[in-house]
Amino acid sequence: MYPISFALKLAISFFYIPVVVYDTGYVTDPETGVDIRTIIATRVIQAGVDPSRSKDLERIFGGSIGDGDIGVYCDTATLYIDDAYNQGGTRRQSFILYQGNMFRAMQDADWTPQADVRVYLAKRHLDQDGLFDEEESG
């Protein structure tokens, strides 16, 4: 007899697709001393992407959902959410490329007890500093 989490994880896995993730970090410019956001890793993960927008995702994350947001379901991959107050480690942020648009991982929900996955809320990201211009075109 399988636990119910097995059935949920199996159902979610049928929606897995390859998704490109850019992990960024802050590197200090030695000349100016200013921290600059830089791509430190590019990877392809298997994840379920829920583009159903606000109404369905509000059940998971509350009322902070916009019409351009997506849900990303991962079982083995970790997405990073930048925490400016995290003094103990390297500040990292994950960006997801989905259907030609860039999304920033903003929140996560731990569904490991229920379905052995983590659910991430990813919000549409406008690349104001041109960090992803070369990556998207190449």
C-alpha atoms as a PDB file:
ATOM      1  CA  MET A   1       0.000   0.000   0.000  1.00  0.00           C
ATOM      2  CA  TYR A   2       1.414   3.377  -1.065  1.00  0.00           C
ATOM      3  CA  PRO A   3       0.885   6.531   1.014  1.00  0.00           C
ATOM      4  CA  ILE A   4      -1.257   9.308  -0.472  1.00  0.00           C
ATOM      5  CA  SER A   5       1.891  11.402  -0.951  1.00  0.00           C
ATOM      6  CA  PHE A   6       3.003   8.852  -3.566  1.00  0.00           C
ATOM      7  CA  ALA A   7      -0.142   9.433  -5.633  1.00  0.00           C
ATOM      8  CA  LEU A   8       0.176  13.227  -5.403  1.00  0.00           C
ATOM      9  CA  LYS A   9       3.848  13.212  -6.374  1.00  0.00           C
ATOM     10  CA  LEU A  10       3.126  10.836  -9.242  1.00  0.00           C
ATOM     11  CA  ALA A  11       0.323  13.079 -10.536  1.00  0.00           C
ATOM     12  CA  ILE A  12       2.506  16.208 -10.365  1.00  0.00           C
ATOM     13  CA  SER A  13       5.390  14.421 -12.111  1.00  0.00           C
ATOM     14  CA  PHE A  14       3.266  13.956 -15.242  1.00  0.00           C
ATOM     15  CA  PHE A  15       3.387  17.741 -15.683  1.00  0.00           C
ATOM     16  CA  TYR A  16       7.180  18.033 -15.395  1.00  0.00           C
ATOM     17  CA  ILE A  17       8.919  19.857 -18.234  1.00  0.00           C
ATOM     18  CA  PRO A  18      12.505  21.041 -18.650  1.00  0.00           C
ATOM     19  CA  VAL A  19      12.827  24.569 -17.263  1.00  0.00           C
ATOM     20  CA  VAL A  20      15.882  26.834 -17.516  1.00  0.00           C
ATOM     21  CA  VAL A  21      16.906  28.400 -14.197  1.00  0.00           C
ATOM     22  CA  TYR A  22      19.455  31.180 -13.734  1.00  0.00           C
ATOM     23  CA  ASP A  23      20.952  31.415 -10.254  1.00  0.00           C
ATOM     24  CA  THR A  24      22.340  34.850  -9.490  1.00  0.00           C
ATOM     25  CA  GLY A  25      24.502  36.140  -6.710  1.00  0.00           C
ATOM     26  CA  TYR A  26      26.063  39.409  -5.704  1.00  0.00           C
ATOM     27  CA  VAL A  27      29.719  39.937  -6.539  1.00  0.00           C
ATOM     28  CA  THR A  28      31.590  42.979  -5.252  1.00  0.00           C
ATOM     29  CA  ASP A  29      33.177  45.106  -7.970  1.00  0.00           C
ATOM     30  CA  PRO A  30      36.771  45.615  -6.774  1.00  0.00           C
ATOM     31  CA  GLU A  31      36.998  49.098  -8.314  1.00  0.00           C
ATOM     32  CA  THR A  32      33.797  50.587  -6.917  1.00  0.00           C
ATOM     33  CA  GLY A  33      33.095  48.308  -3.959  1.00  0.00           C
ATOM     34  CA  VAL A  34      29.477  48.016  -5.148  1.00  0.00           C
ATOM     35  CA  ASP A  35      27.711  44.649  -5.167  1.00  0.00           C
ATOM     36  CA  ILE A  36      26.618  43.695  -8.690  1.00  0.00           C
ATOM     37  CA  ARG A  37      24.110  40.962  -9.446  1.00  0.00           C
ATOM     38  CA  THR A  38      25.796  38.304 -11.587  1.00  0.00           C
ATOM     39  CA  ILE A  39      24.692  34.964 -13.048  1.00  0.00           C
ATOM     40  CA  ILE A  40      26.642  32.322 -11.112  1.00  0.00           C
ATOM     41  CA  ALA A  41      24.947  29.195 -12.527  1.00  0.00           C
ATOM     42  CA  THR A  42      22.617  28.209 -15.332  1.00  0.00           C
ATOM     43  CA  ARG A  43      20.803  24.884 -15.048  1.00  0.00           C
ATOM     44  CA  VAL A  44      17.912  22.958 -16.502  1.00  0.00           C
ATOM     45  CA  ILE A  45      15.553  21.367 -13.993  1.00  0.00           C
ATOM     46  CA  GLN A  46      12.484  19.173 -14.309  1.00  0.00           C
ATOM     47  CA  ALA A  47       9.534  21.029 -12.801  1.00  0.00           C
ATOM     48  CA  GLY A  48       5.797  21.319 -13.096  1.00  0.00           C
ATOM     49  CA  VAL A  49       4.755  24.836 -14.067  1.00  0.00           C
ATOM     50  CA  ASP A  50       1.276  26.078 -13.178  1.00  0.00           C
ATOM     51  CA  PRO A  51       0.413  29.136 -15.284  1.00  0.00           C
ATOM     52  CA  SER A  52      -3.177  29.259 -13.977  1.00  0.00           C
ATOM     53  CA  ARG A  53      -2.501  32.646 -12.441  1.00  0.00           C
ATOM     54  CA  SER A  54      -3.908  34.326  -9.396  1.00  0.00           C
ATOM     55  CA  LYS A  55      -7.049  32.535  -8.269  1.00  0.00           C
ATOM     56  CA  ASP A  56      -5.558  29.036  -8.015  1.00  0.00           C
ATOM     57  CA  LEU A  57      -2.236  30.171  -6.565  1.00  0.00           C
ATOM     58  CA  GLU A  58      -3.964  32.311  -3.907  1.00  0.00           C
ATOM     59  CA  ARG A  59      -4.988  29.079  -2.174  1.00  0.00           C
ATOM     60  CA  ILE A  60      -1.320  28.271  -1.631  1.00  0.00           C
ATOM     61  CA  PHE A  61       0.329  31.671  -1.135  1.00  0.00           C
ATOM     62  CA  GLY A  62      -2.435  33.996   0.008  1.00  0.00           C
ATOM     63  CA  GLY A  63      -3.471  37.273  -1.574  1.00  0.00           C
ATOM     64  CA  SER A  64      -0.123  38.465  -2.953  1.00  0.00           C
ATOM     65  CA  ILE A  65      -0.640  36.908  -6.395  1.00  0.00           C
ATOM     66  CA  GLY A  66      -0.722  38.841  -9.665  1.00  0.00           C
ATOM     67  CA  ASP A  67      -2.091  37.818 -13.041  1.00  0.00           C
ATOM     68  CA  GLY A  68       1.427  37.282 -14.425  1.00  0.00           C
ATOM     69  CA  ASP A  69       2.611  34.920 -11.675  1.00  0.00           C
ATOM     70  CA  ILE A  70       3.299  31.196 -12.033  1.00  0.00           C
ATOM     71  CA  GLY A  71       3.667  28.280  -9.652  1.00  0.00           C
ATOM     72  CA  VAL A  72       6.722  26.022 -10.002  1.00  0.00           C
ATOM     73  CA  TYR A  73       6.577  22.502  -8.500  1.00  0.00           C
ATOM     74  CA  CYS A  74       9.997  20.876  -7.830  1.00  0.00           C
ATOM     75  CA  ASP A  75      10.850  17.633  -6.104  1.00  0.00           C
ATOM     76  CA  THR A  76      14.657  17.502  -6.258  1.00  0.00           C
ATOM     77  CA  ALA A  77      15.693  20.986  -7.414  1.00  0.00           C
ATOM     78  CA  THR A  78      16.004  23.934  -5.073  1.00  0.00           C
ATOM     79  CA  LEU A  79      15.191  27.462  -6.151  1.00  0.00           C
ATOM     80  CA  TYR A  80      16.795  30.335  -4.274  1.00  0.00           C
ATOM     81  CA  ILE A  81      14.937  33.284  -2.815  1.00  0.00           C
ATOM     82  CA  ASP A  82      17.109  36.293  -1.975  1.00  0.00           C
ATOM     83  CA  ASP A  83      17.080  37.309   1.661  1.00  0.00           C
ATOM     84  CA  ALA A  84      18.806  40.640   2.265  1.00  0.00           C
ATOM     85  CA  TYR A  85      18.829  39.926   6.002  1.00  0.00           C
ATOM     86  CA  ASN A  86      20.632  36.583   5.637  1.00  0.00           C
ATOM     87  CA  GLN A  87      24.067  37.498   6.951  1.00  0.00           C
ATOM     88  CA  GLY A  88      25.293  33.903   7.256  1.00  0.00           C
ATOM     89  CA  GLY A  89      25.448  32.825   3.626  1.00  0.00           C
ATOM     90  CA  THR A  90      25.790  33.893   0.044  1.00  0.00           C
ATOM     91  CA  ARG A  91      22.782  35.812  -1.205  1.00  0.00           C
ATOM     92  CA  ARG A  92      21.337  33.928  -4.169  1.00  0.00           C
ATOM     93  CA  GLN A  93      18.275  34.442  -6.305  1.00  0.00           C
ATOM     94  CA  SER A  94      16.757  32.074  -8.885  1.00  0.00           C
ATOM     95  CA  PHE A  95      15.163  33.283 -12.102  1.00  0.00           C
ATOM     96  CA  ILE A  96      13.039  30.982 -14.244  1.00  0.00           C
ATOM     97  CA  LEU A  97      12.780  31.287 -18.022  1.00  0.00           C
ATOM     98  CA  TYR A  98       9.306  30.107 -19.048  1.00  0.00           C
ATOM     99  CA  GLN A  99       7.707  30.649 -22.464  1.00  0.00           C
ATOM    100  CA  GLY A 100      10.121  33.448 -23.318  1.00  0.00           C
ATOM    101  CA  ASN A 101       9.474  35.389 -20.107  1.00  0.00           C
ATOM    102  CA  MET A 102      11.674  35.708 -17.039  1.00  0.00           C
ATOM    103  CA  PHE A 103      10.205  35.020 -13.584  1.00  0.00           C
ATOM    104  CA  ARG A 104      11.768  35.573 -10.168  1.00  0.00           C
ATOM    105  CA  ALA A 105      11.302  33.014  -7.375  1.00  0.00           C
ATOM    106  CA  MET A 106       9.674  34.970  -4.541  1.00  0.00           C
ATOM    107  CA  GLN A 107       8.034  32.563  -2.065  1.00  0.00           C
ATOM    108  CA  ASP A 108       7.939  28.851  -1.373  1.00  0.00           C
ATOM    109  CA  ALA A 109       5.533  26.424   0.218  1.00  0.00           C
ATOM    110  CA  ASP A 110       6.754  23.158   1.688  1.00  0.00           C
ATOM    111  CA  TRP A 111       4.518  20.383   0.394  1.00  0.00           C
ATOM    112  CA  THR A 112       7.025  17.637   1.188  1.00  0.00           C
ATOM    113  CA  PRO A 113       4.784  15.963   3.801  1.00  0.00           C
ATOM    114  CA  GLN A 114       1.821  15.873   1.391  1.00  0.00           C
ATOM    115  CA  ALA A 115       3.380  15.384  -2.066  1.00  0.00           C
ATOM    116  CA  ASP A 116       7.178  15.337  -1.606  1.00  0.00           C
ATOM    117  CA  VAL A 117       7.530  18.598  -3.588  1.00  0.00           C
ATOM    118  CA  ARG A 118       8.169  22.257  -2.892  1.00  0.00           C
ATOM    119  CA  VAL A 119       5.983  24.835  -4.578  1.00  0.00           C
ATOM    120  CA  TYR A 120       7.537  28.159  -5.545  1.00  0.00           C
ATOM    121  CA  LEU A 121       5.716  31.358  -6.426  1.00  0.00           C
ATOM    122  CA  ALA A 122       7.489  33.049  -9.334  1.00  0.00           C
ATOM    123  CA  LYS A 123       6.612  36.616 -10.289  1.00  0.00           C
ATOM    124  CA  ARG A 124       7.171  38.182 -13.702  1.00  0.00           C
ATOM    125  CA  HIS A 125      10.550  39.930 -13.731  1.00  0.00           C
ATOM    126  CA  LEU A 126      11.465  42.913 -15.878  1.00  0.00           C
ATOM    127  CA  ASP A 127      15.193  42.846 -16.552  1.00  0.00           C
ATOM    128  CA  GLN A 128      16.095  46.485 -15.906  1.00  0.00           C
ATOM    129  CA  ASP A 129      19.856  46.002 -15.657  1.00  0.00           C
ATOM    130  CA  GLY A 130      20.192  43.842 -18.805  1.00  0.00           C
ATOM    131  CA  LEU A 131      21.578  40.835 -16.927  1.00  0.00           C
ATOM    132  CA  PHE A 132      19.662  38.294 -19.021  1.00  0.00           C
ATOM    133  CA  ASP A 133      19.876  40.014 -22.423  1.00  0.00           C
ATOM    134  CA  GLU A 134      22.809  37.911 -23.657  1.00  0.00           C
ATOM    135  CA  GLU A 135      21.529  34.708 -22.035  1.00  0.00           C
ATOM    136  CA  GLU A 136      18.061  34.902 -23.613  1.00  0.00           C
ATOM    137  CA  SER A 137      19.311  35.699 -27.109  1.00  0.00           C
ATOM    138  CA  GLY A 138      22.050  33.028 -27.130  1.00  0.00           C
END
